[in-house]
Protein backbone atom coordinates (compact mmCIF):
# COMPACT_ATOMS: atom_id res chain seq x y z
CA MET A 1 0.00 0.00 0.00
CA ILE A 2 1.23 3.48 -0.88
CA SER A 3 1.38 5.69 2.19
CA PRO A 4 -0.68 8.92 2.04
CA VAL A 5 1.00 12.07 0.77
CA HIS A 6 1.07 14.97 3.23
CA ASP A 7 3.03 17.54 1.25
CA ILE A 8 3.91 18.55 -2.30
CA GLY A 9 7.26 20.10 -3.10
CA ASN A 10 8.64 22.26 -5.89
CA GLY A 11 5.61 24.56 -5.88
CA ALA A 12 3.56 22.10 -7.95
CA GLY A 13 -0.19 22.14 -7.64
CA GLY A 14 -0.43 18.39 -7.33
CA ARG A 15 1.48 15.16 -7.02
CA LEU A 16 0.95 12.24 -9.35
CA ARG A 17 2.30 9.00 -7.93
CA VAL A 18 3.01 6.04 -10.19
CA ASP A 19 3.74 2.76 -8.43
CA LEU A 20 6.17 0.86 -10.65
CA GLY A 21 6.13 -2.13 -8.34
CA ALA A 22 2.37 -2.43 -8.76
CA LEU A 23 2.80 -2.07 -12.52
CA ALA A 24 5.20 -5.01 -12.61
CA GLY A 25 2.88 -6.95 -10.32
CA ASN A 26 -0.05 -6.34 -12.65
CA TYR A 27 1.98 -7.63 -15.58
CA ALA A 28 2.74 -10.79 -13.58
CA ARG A 29 -0.95 -11.09 -12.64
CA LEU A 30 -1.97 -11.01 -16.30
CA ARG A 31 0.84 -13.39 -17.20
CA ALA A 32 -0.69 -15.86 -14.72
CA GLU A 33 -4.13 -15.48 -16.30
CA VAL A 34 -3.02 -17.05 -19.60
CA ALA A 35 -1.40 -20.35 -20.46
CA PRO A 36 2.42 -20.59 -20.43
CA GLY A 37 2.60 -20.60 -24.23
CA VAL A 38 0.63 -17.38 -24.63
CA GLY A 39 2.62 -14.15 -24.90
CA VAL A 40 1.68 -11.05 -22.93
CA GLY A 41 2.37 -7.76 -24.67
CA ALA A 42 1.66 -4.23 -23.48
CA ALA A 43 -0.16 -1.25 -24.94
CA VAL A 44 1.95 1.81 -24.11
CA LYS A 45 0.33 4.26 -26.52
CA ALA A 46 -0.51 7.82 -25.47
CA ASP A 47 2.69 8.07 -23.40
CA ALA A 48 1.82 4.84 -21.56
CA TYR A 49 -1.73 6.05 -20.91
CA GLY A 50 -0.42 9.37 -19.66
CA LEU A 51 1.98 7.92 -17.10
CA GLY A 52 5.28 8.41 -18.95
CA VAL A 53 6.44 5.77 -21.39
CA ALA A 54 10.12 6.43 -20.64
CA ARG A 55 9.56 5.14 -17.10
CA ILE A 56 6.86 2.57 -17.83
CA ALA A 57 8.25 0.65 -20.82
CA PRO A 58 11.59 -0.37 -19.21
CA VAL A 59 9.74 -1.73 -16.16
CA LEU A 60 7.51 -3.84 -18.39
CA HIS A 61 10.51 -5.07 -20.38
CA LYS A 62 12.25 -6.08 -17.16
CA ALA A 63 9.07 -7.90 -16.12
CA GLY A 64 9.28 -9.98 -19.31
CA CYS A 65 7.29 -8.06 -21.91
CA ARG A 66 8.70 -8.20 -25.43
CA SER A 67 5.77 -6.97 -27.57
CA PHE A 68 4.81 -3.30 -27.26
CA PHE A 69 1.97 -1.49 -29.01
CA VAL A 70 1.76 2.25 -29.76
CA ALA A 71 -0.57 4.29 -31.96
CA THR A 72 1.55 6.82 -33.87
CA LEU A 73 4.89 6.86 -35.64
CA ASP A 74 6.33 9.44 -33.24
CA GLU A 75 5.42 7.14 -30.34
CA ALA A 76 6.97 4.17 -32.13
CA LEU A 77 10.25 5.96 -32.84
CA ALA A 78 10.56 7.17 -29.25
CA LEU A 79 9.81 3.72 -27.87
CA ARG A 80 12.17 1.96 -30.25
CA ALA A 81 14.99 4.13 -28.89
CA LEU A 82 14.06 3.22 -25.30
CA LEU A 83 14.02 -0.56 -25.61
CA PRO A 84 16.63 -3.24 -26.34
CA PRO A 85 16.65 -4.97 -29.75
CA ASP A 86 14.80 -8.01 -28.38
CA ALA A 87 11.63 -5.91 -27.98
CA THR A 88 9.18 -5.61 -30.88
CA VAL A 89 7.35 -2.33 -31.41
CA PHE A 90 4.02 -2.55 -33.24
CA LEU A 91 2.51 0.57 -34.83
CA LEU A 92 -1.26 0.19 -34.40
CA ASN A 93 -2.37 2.97 -36.74
CA GLY A 94 -0.26 1.46 -39.49
CA LEU A 95 1.39 3.42 -42.27
CA SER A 96 0.53 7.04 -42.92
CA PRO A 97 1.12 8.09 -46.55
CA GLY A 98 4.80 8.40 -47.33
CA ALA A 99 5.98 6.87 -44.05
CA ALA A 100 6.92 3.37 -45.24
CA ARG A 101 10.62 4.08 -45.66
CA GLU A 102 11.00 5.66 -42.22
CA VAL A 103 9.08 2.83 -40.56
CA ALA A 104 11.20 0.20 -42.26
CA GLU A 105 14.47 1.91 -41.36
CA ALA A 106 13.40 2.26 -37.73
CA GLY A 107 12.73 -1.44 -37.32
CA VAL A 108 9.11 -0.78 -36.33
CA ILE A 109 6.39 -3.30 -37.25
CA PRO A 110 3.41 -1.60 -38.91
CA VAL A 111 -0.06 -3.01 -38.35
CA LEU A 112 -1.54 -2.99 -41.85
CA ASN A 113 -5.16 -1.89 -41.55
CA SER A 114 -6.12 -1.34 -45.19
CA LEU A 115 -5.23 -2.34 -48.71
CA ASP A 116 -3.68 1.08 -49.27
CA GLN A 117 -1.32 0.52 -46.33
CA ALA A 118 -0.54 -3.01 -47.52
CA ARG A 119 0.32 -1.78 -50.99
CA ASP A 120 2.58 0.96 -49.62
CA TRP A 121 4.40 -1.68 -47.58
CA ALA A 122 4.64 -4.00 -50.60
CA ARG A 123 6.23 -1.22 -52.68
CA GLU A 124 8.76 -0.61 -49.90
CA ALA A 125 9.51 -4.34 -49.78
CA ALA A 126 10.04 -4.41 -53.55
CA ALA A 127 12.41 -1.45 -53.33
CA ARG A 128 14.43 -3.30 -50.70
CA GLY A 129 14.30 -6.65 -52.49
CA ARG A 130 12.96 -8.59 -49.52
CA ALA A 131 9.78 -9.32 -47.59
CA LEU A 132 9.23 -6.83 -44.78
CA PRO A 133 7.84 -7.66 -41.33
CA CYS A 134 4.35 -6.48 -40.54
CA ALA A 135 1.16 -7.30 -38.68
CA VAL A 136 -2.23 -7.52 -40.35
CA GLN A 137 -5.38 -6.37 -38.62
CA ILE A 138 -8.70 -8.02 -39.42
CA ASP A 139 -11.98 -6.20 -38.92
CA SER A 140 -13.88 -8.93 -37.07
CA GLY A 141 -16.92 -6.75 -36.44
CA MET A 142 -15.89 -3.49 -34.82
CA SER A 143 -16.00 -1.57 -38.13
CA ARG A 144 -13.03 0.52 -37.19
CA PHE A 145 -9.44 -0.43 -38.07
CA GLY A 146 -8.64 -3.51 -40.12
CA MET A 147 -9.41 -5.38 -43.32
CA ASN A 148 -12.74 -6.99 -44.05
CA GLU A 149 -13.28 -10.20 -45.97
CA ALA A 150 -13.19 -8.52 -49.39
CA ASP A 151 -9.92 -6.81 -48.50
CA LEU A 152 -8.39 -10.11 -47.42
CA VAL A 153 -9.37 -11.72 -50.73
CA ALA A 154 -7.64 -8.87 -52.57
CA LEU A 155 -4.61 -9.05 -50.28
CA ALA A 156 -3.99 -12.78 -50.65
CA PRO A 157 -2.04 -12.58 -53.96
CA GLU A 158 0.26 -9.93 -52.49
CA CYS A 159 1.17 -11.72 -49.26
CA GLY A 160 4.53 -12.81 -50.65
CA ALA A 161 5.78 -9.27 -50.05
CA PHE A 162 5.18 -9.58 -46.35
CA ASP A 163 6.77 -11.32 -43.39
CA ILE A 164 3.60 -11.46 -41.31
CA ARG A 165 4.57 -11.51 -37.64
CA LEU A 166 1.05 -11.16 -36.21
CA VAL A 167 -2.58 -11.38 -37.30
CA MET A 168 -4.78 -9.44 -34.93
CA SER A 169 -8.20 -7.98 -34.29
CA HIS A 170 -9.91 -6.06 -31.47
CA LEU A 171 -13.03 -6.75 -29.43
CA ALA A 172 -15.71 -4.08 -29.15
CA CYS A 173 -17.57 -5.40 -26.08
CA ALA A 174 -15.01 -7.35 -24.06
CA ASP A 175 -15.83 -5.39 -20.89
CA THR A 176 -19.37 -6.84 -21.07
CA PRO A 177 -18.73 -10.59 -20.84
CA GLY A 178 -22.27 -11.63 -21.75
CA HIS A 179 -22.50 -9.46 -24.84
CA PRO A 180 -23.21 -11.62 -27.91
CA GLN A 181 -20.78 -9.62 -30.05
CA ASN A 182 -17.85 -11.21 -28.22
CA ALA A 183 -18.73 -14.67 -29.54
CA THR A 184 -19.60 -13.25 -32.96
CA GLN A 185 -16.22 -11.55 -33.28
CA LEU A 186 -14.40 -14.63 -32.01
CA ALA A 187 -16.02 -16.75 -34.71
CA ALA A 188 -15.32 -14.16 -37.38
CA PHE A 189 -11.67 -13.87 -36.38
CA ARG A 190 -11.19 -17.62 -36.43
CA ARG A 191 -12.69 -17.81 -39.92
CA LEU A 192 -11.01 -14.79 -41.47
CA ARG A 193 -7.51 -15.48 -40.17
CA THR A 194 -7.44 -18.68 -42.29
CA MET A 195 -7.41 -16.43 -45.37
CA LEU A 196 -3.87 -15.32 -44.48
CA PRO A 197 -0.62 -17.30 -44.26
CA PRO A 198 0.02 -19.00 -40.90
CA ALA A 199 1.22 -16.52 -38.27
CA PRO A 200 0.80 -15.85 -34.53
CA THR A 201 -2.62 -14.42 -33.68
CA SER A 202 -3.98 -11.94 -31.15
CA LEU A 203 -7.52 -10.85 -30.24
CA ALA A 204 -7.72 -9.95 -26.55
CA ALA A 205 -6.70 -6.73 -24.82
CA SER A 206 -7.24 -6.10 -21.10
CA SER A 207 -10.88 -7.12 -20.71
CA GLY A 208 -10.67 -9.80 -23.38
CA ILE A 209 -8.10 -11.68 -21.29
CA PHE A 210 -10.81 -12.33 -18.70
CA LEU A 211 -13.23 -13.79 -21.27
CA GLY A 212 -11.26 -17.02 -21.03
CA PRO A 213 -8.70 -19.05 -22.99
CA ASP A 214 -10.75 -19.19 -26.20
CA TYR A 215 -9.90 -15.50 -26.63
CA HIS A 216 -6.19 -15.67 -25.81
CA PHE A 217 -4.70 -17.15 -29.00
CA ASP A 218 -0.91 -16.60 -29.20
CA LEU A 219 -0.62 -13.12 -27.70
CA VAL A 220 -2.72 -10.85 -25.48
CA ARG A 221 -2.29 -7.08 -25.49
CA PRO A 222 -3.27 -5.51 -22.13
CA GLY A 223 -3.15 -1.78 -21.58
CA TYR A 224 -5.59 -0.32 -19.05
CA ALA A 225 -5.33 -3.30 -16.68
CA LEU A 226 -1.57 -2.84 -16.42
CA TYR A 227 -2.13 0.67 -15.07
CA GLY A 228 -4.57 -0.49 -12.39
CA GLY A 229 -7.87 -0.04 -14.22
CA ASN A 230 -10.55 -2.65 -13.71
CA PRO A 231 -10.82 -4.93 -16.78
CA THR A 232 -13.86 -6.68 -15.23
CA PRO A 233 -16.25 -3.83 -14.40
CA ASP A 234 -19.01 -6.00 -12.93
CA VAL A 235 -16.76 -7.67 -10.34
CA PRO A 236 -14.03 -6.44 -7.97
CA ASN A 237 -10.88 -5.19 -9.64
CA PRO A 238 -8.26 -7.97 -9.88
CA MET A 239 -5.48 -5.44 -10.54
CA ALA A 240 -3.40 -3.47 -8.06
CA PRO A 241 -3.73 0.34 -8.11
CA VAL A 242 -0.85 2.06 -9.88
CA VAL A 243 -1.89 5.73 -9.92
CA SER A 244 -2.60 8.19 -7.13
CA LEU A 245 -3.34 11.89 -7.53
CA TYR A 246 -3.14 14.47 -4.74
CA LEU A 247 -3.83 18.22 -5.03
CA ARG A 248 -2.56 21.08 -2.86
CA LEU A 249 -4.67 23.63 -1.01
CA VAL A 250 -3.67 27.21 -1.90
CA GLN A 251 -6.08 29.05 0.37
CA GLU A 252 -9.51 28.84 1.94
CA ARG A 253 -12.23 31.28 2.77
CA ARG A 254 -15.47 31.20 4.73
CA ILE A 255 -18.58 32.38 2.94
CA ALA A 256 -22.16 33.07 3.92
CA ALA A 257 -25.20 31.29 2.55
CA GLY A 258 -26.17 32.85 -0.76
CA THR A 259 -22.57 33.54 -1.83
CA SER A 260 -21.50 32.31 -5.26
CA VAL A 261 -18.24 30.54 -6.10
CA GLY A 262 -16.35 30.58 -9.41
CA TYR A 263 -17.11 31.56 -12.98
CA GLY A 264 -20.72 32.11 -13.95
CA ALA A 265 -21.86 31.96 -10.30
CA HIS A 266 -22.55 28.34 -11.14
CA PHE A 267 -22.48 27.34 -7.45
CA VAL A 268 -24.30 29.25 -4.73
CA ALA A 269 -23.81 28.20 -1.11
CA THR A 270 -26.95 27.08 0.70
CA ARG A 271 -25.22 27.26 4.10
CA PRO A 272 -22.28 29.01 5.70
CA SER A 273 -19.35 27.22 4.09
CA ARG A 274 -15.59 26.67 4.09
CA ILE A 275 -14.34 26.80 0.52
CA GLY A 276 -10.84 25.68 -0.46
CA THR A 277 -9.06 26.72 -3.63
CA LEU A 278 -6.81 23.92 -4.94
CA ALA A 279 -3.95 24.42 -7.37
CA ALA A 280 -5.01 22.40 -10.41
CA GLY A 281 -7.60 22.79 -13.15
CA TYR A 282 -8.50 21.78 -16.66
CA ALA A 283 -4.96 22.53 -17.86
CA ASP A 284 -3.98 19.63 -15.59
CA GLY A 285 -6.56 17.22 -17.01
CA LEU A 286 -9.34 17.92 -14.51
CA LEU A 287 -12.19 18.34 -16.94
CA ARG A 288 -14.15 21.58 -16.73
CA ALA A 289 -17.36 19.56 -16.64
CA ALA A 290 -16.19 17.80 -13.47
CA GLY A 291 -17.41 20.70 -11.34
CA GLY A 292 -20.31 19.44 -9.26
CA ARG A 293 -19.34 15.82 -9.99
CA ALA A 294 -15.79 15.20 -8.82
CA VAL A 295 -14.98 14.63 -5.16
CA ALA A 296 -11.90 14.46 -2.97
CA VAL A 297 -11.00 13.30 0.53
CA LEU A 298 -8.58 14.45 3.17
CA PRO A 299 -6.34 11.38 3.56
CA ASP A 300 -6.43 11.64 7.36
CA ARG A 301 -10.26 11.72 7.35
CA PRO A 302 -11.25 9.57 4.37
CA GLY A 303 -14.79 8.96 5.56
CA ILE A 304 -15.80 12.51 4.66
CA VAL A 305 -16.37 12.98 0.94
CA LEU A 306 -15.74 16.55 -0.20
CA PRO A 307 -17.43 17.80 -3.39
CA VAL A 308 -15.77 19.87 -6.08
CA ILE A 309 -18.08 22.85 -6.59
CA GLY A 310 -18.63 25.44 -9.29
CA ARG A 311 -16.79 25.47 -12.56
CA ILE A 312 -13.26 24.17 -12.73
CA SER A 313 -10.88 26.85 -14.00
CA MET A 314 -7.69 26.47 -16.02
CA ASP A 315 -5.40 26.42 -12.99
CA CYS A 316 -7.64 25.92 -9.95
CA LEU A 317 -10.79 24.42 -8.58
CA ALA A 318 -12.96 24.90 -5.51
CA LEU A 319 -13.58 22.23 -2.89
CA ASP A 320 -16.34 22.43 -0.27
CA LEU A 321 -14.56 21.79 3.03
CA THR A 322 -17.53 22.51 5.29
CA ASP A 323 -18.11 18.94 6.43
CA LEU A 324 -14.61 18.85 7.92
CA GLY A 325 -15.84 21.20 10.63
CA GLU A 326 -13.05 23.10 12.32
CA THR A 327 -10.27 20.76 11.17
CA ASP A 328 -7.09 22.81 10.77
CA LEU A 329 -6.26 23.06 7.05
CA PRO A 330 -3.19 25.22 6.49
CA PRO A 331 -2.03 26.15 2.98
CA GLY A 332 -0.30 23.15 1.43
CA THR A 333 -2.75 20.63 2.88
CA VAL A 334 -3.09 17.75 0.42
CA PHE A 335 -6.35 16.18 -0.78
CA GLU A 336 -6.71 12.83 -2.54
CA PHE A 337 -8.51 12.76 -5.90
CA ILE A 338 -7.39 9.28 -7.01
CA GLY A 339 -5.93 6.83 -4.56
CA PRO A 340 -6.67 4.26 -1.87
CA HIS A 341 -9.95 5.91 -0.89
CA LEU A 342 -11.03 7.02 -4.38
CA PRO A 343 -10.07 4.31 -6.91
CA LEU A 344 -9.49 5.32 -10.51
CA ASP A 345 -12.64 3.72 -11.88
CA GLU A 346 -14.81 5.23 -9.14
CA ALA A 347 -13.36 8.67 -9.78
CA ALA A 348 -14.04 8.28 -13.50
CA ALA A 349 -17.60 7.04 -12.99
CA ARG A 350 -18.41 10.17 -10.98
CA LEU A 351 -17.41 12.17 -14.06
CA ASP A 352 -19.56 10.03 -16.36
CA THR A 353 -16.47 8.85 -18.20
CA ILE A 354 -13.94 6.02 -18.08
CA GLY A 355 -10.58 5.71 -16.38
CA TYR A 356 -8.83 5.62 -19.76
CA GLU A 357 -9.87 9.22 -20.39
CA VAL A 358 -8.91 10.30 -16.88
CA LEU A 359 -5.41 8.81 -17.18
CA THR A 360 -4.65 10.09 -20.66
CA SER A 361 -5.85 13.59 -19.73
CA LEU A 362 -3.41 14.00 -16.84
CA GLY A 363 -1.33 17.12 -17.34
CA HIS A 364 2.42 17.65 -17.09
CA ARG A 365 2.51 20.21 -14.30
CA TYR A 366 2.14 17.71 -11.49
CA GLN A 367 5.12 16.66 -9.44
CA ARG A 368 5.53 13.09 -10.65
CA ASP A 369 6.84 10.47 -8.27
CA TYR A 370 7.76 7.01 -9.53
CA ILE A 371 7.99 4.65 -6.59
CA GLU A 372 8.66 0.98 -5.99
CA SER A 373 6.11 -0.47 -3.61
CA ILE A 374 6.37 -3.91 -2.07
CA ALA A 375 4.31 -6.07 -4.42
């Protein structure tokens, strides 16, 4: 367990703690969920879901991960420079026009999502006089990235240009285990992958892992679960928390009933109140719409839930401290927004969003602490 934070240095408005020990433990937990012959990769796109890929990726590599997935070429190039040669970097968005040469020279594996991308890669292979490594994504029913059956028929004659390292698809409803689309996509993937040369296969990301071994194939690709998010929303979270967020009190004031707080007088006190101004806002990833929805706790008194009130500003927000009574709250007092008493998924649900959005919105002004807990 991460001990509560009681101060924030360097003048930062908040402290973001990332528990690297818990991250490694979550990788091991997912490794144990699949059979020994199934590989466990890691999605580290969007700067490792906002947590800092330069710190996250080496921990996962040390834990045994060798397959890493990012979304953009810039992400792929940065990650390729971070990891040893034994790691494979897959580029999920595939080839943007004109990028084939740079991707090939960087040793990045593009995920070919369309015939246009496949043909660009085939031309690059022809120019180099050899088959080039790639992955192929099948659209098994999500109607997003990937090739449909007609595309695969057209692709078949050109497969000699490719060294296919992975055939993959993505589940639309894996976080709802009883949804019929899971079985429909599984059947479609099994059928459509036979239209390509033999290669390792992958279907499941975080939630898909918990649908059972039929969905595991040769490689699973967790992301959110690694970072402590719940991949099984209807049951208790099997993953250890990785992220904690604490914000600093700048000042407080006492106001009378009928007094407004913040832009637009959106909040009006119905009682004499203690109002705290905290040093973070929407520039730090705390969505403007979270006013009136988000909550915090004082770590020393976690049983009292404190509402965020009014509109969140660019650099600050207001917290109703009234229910703490006369508790002494000097400037610098720290309040928990994500942590042991306010788990990530609970905090996200209060905002009518998902933890993925919360994590990837986190700003860069926080003091970031990377710690090693005892797993």
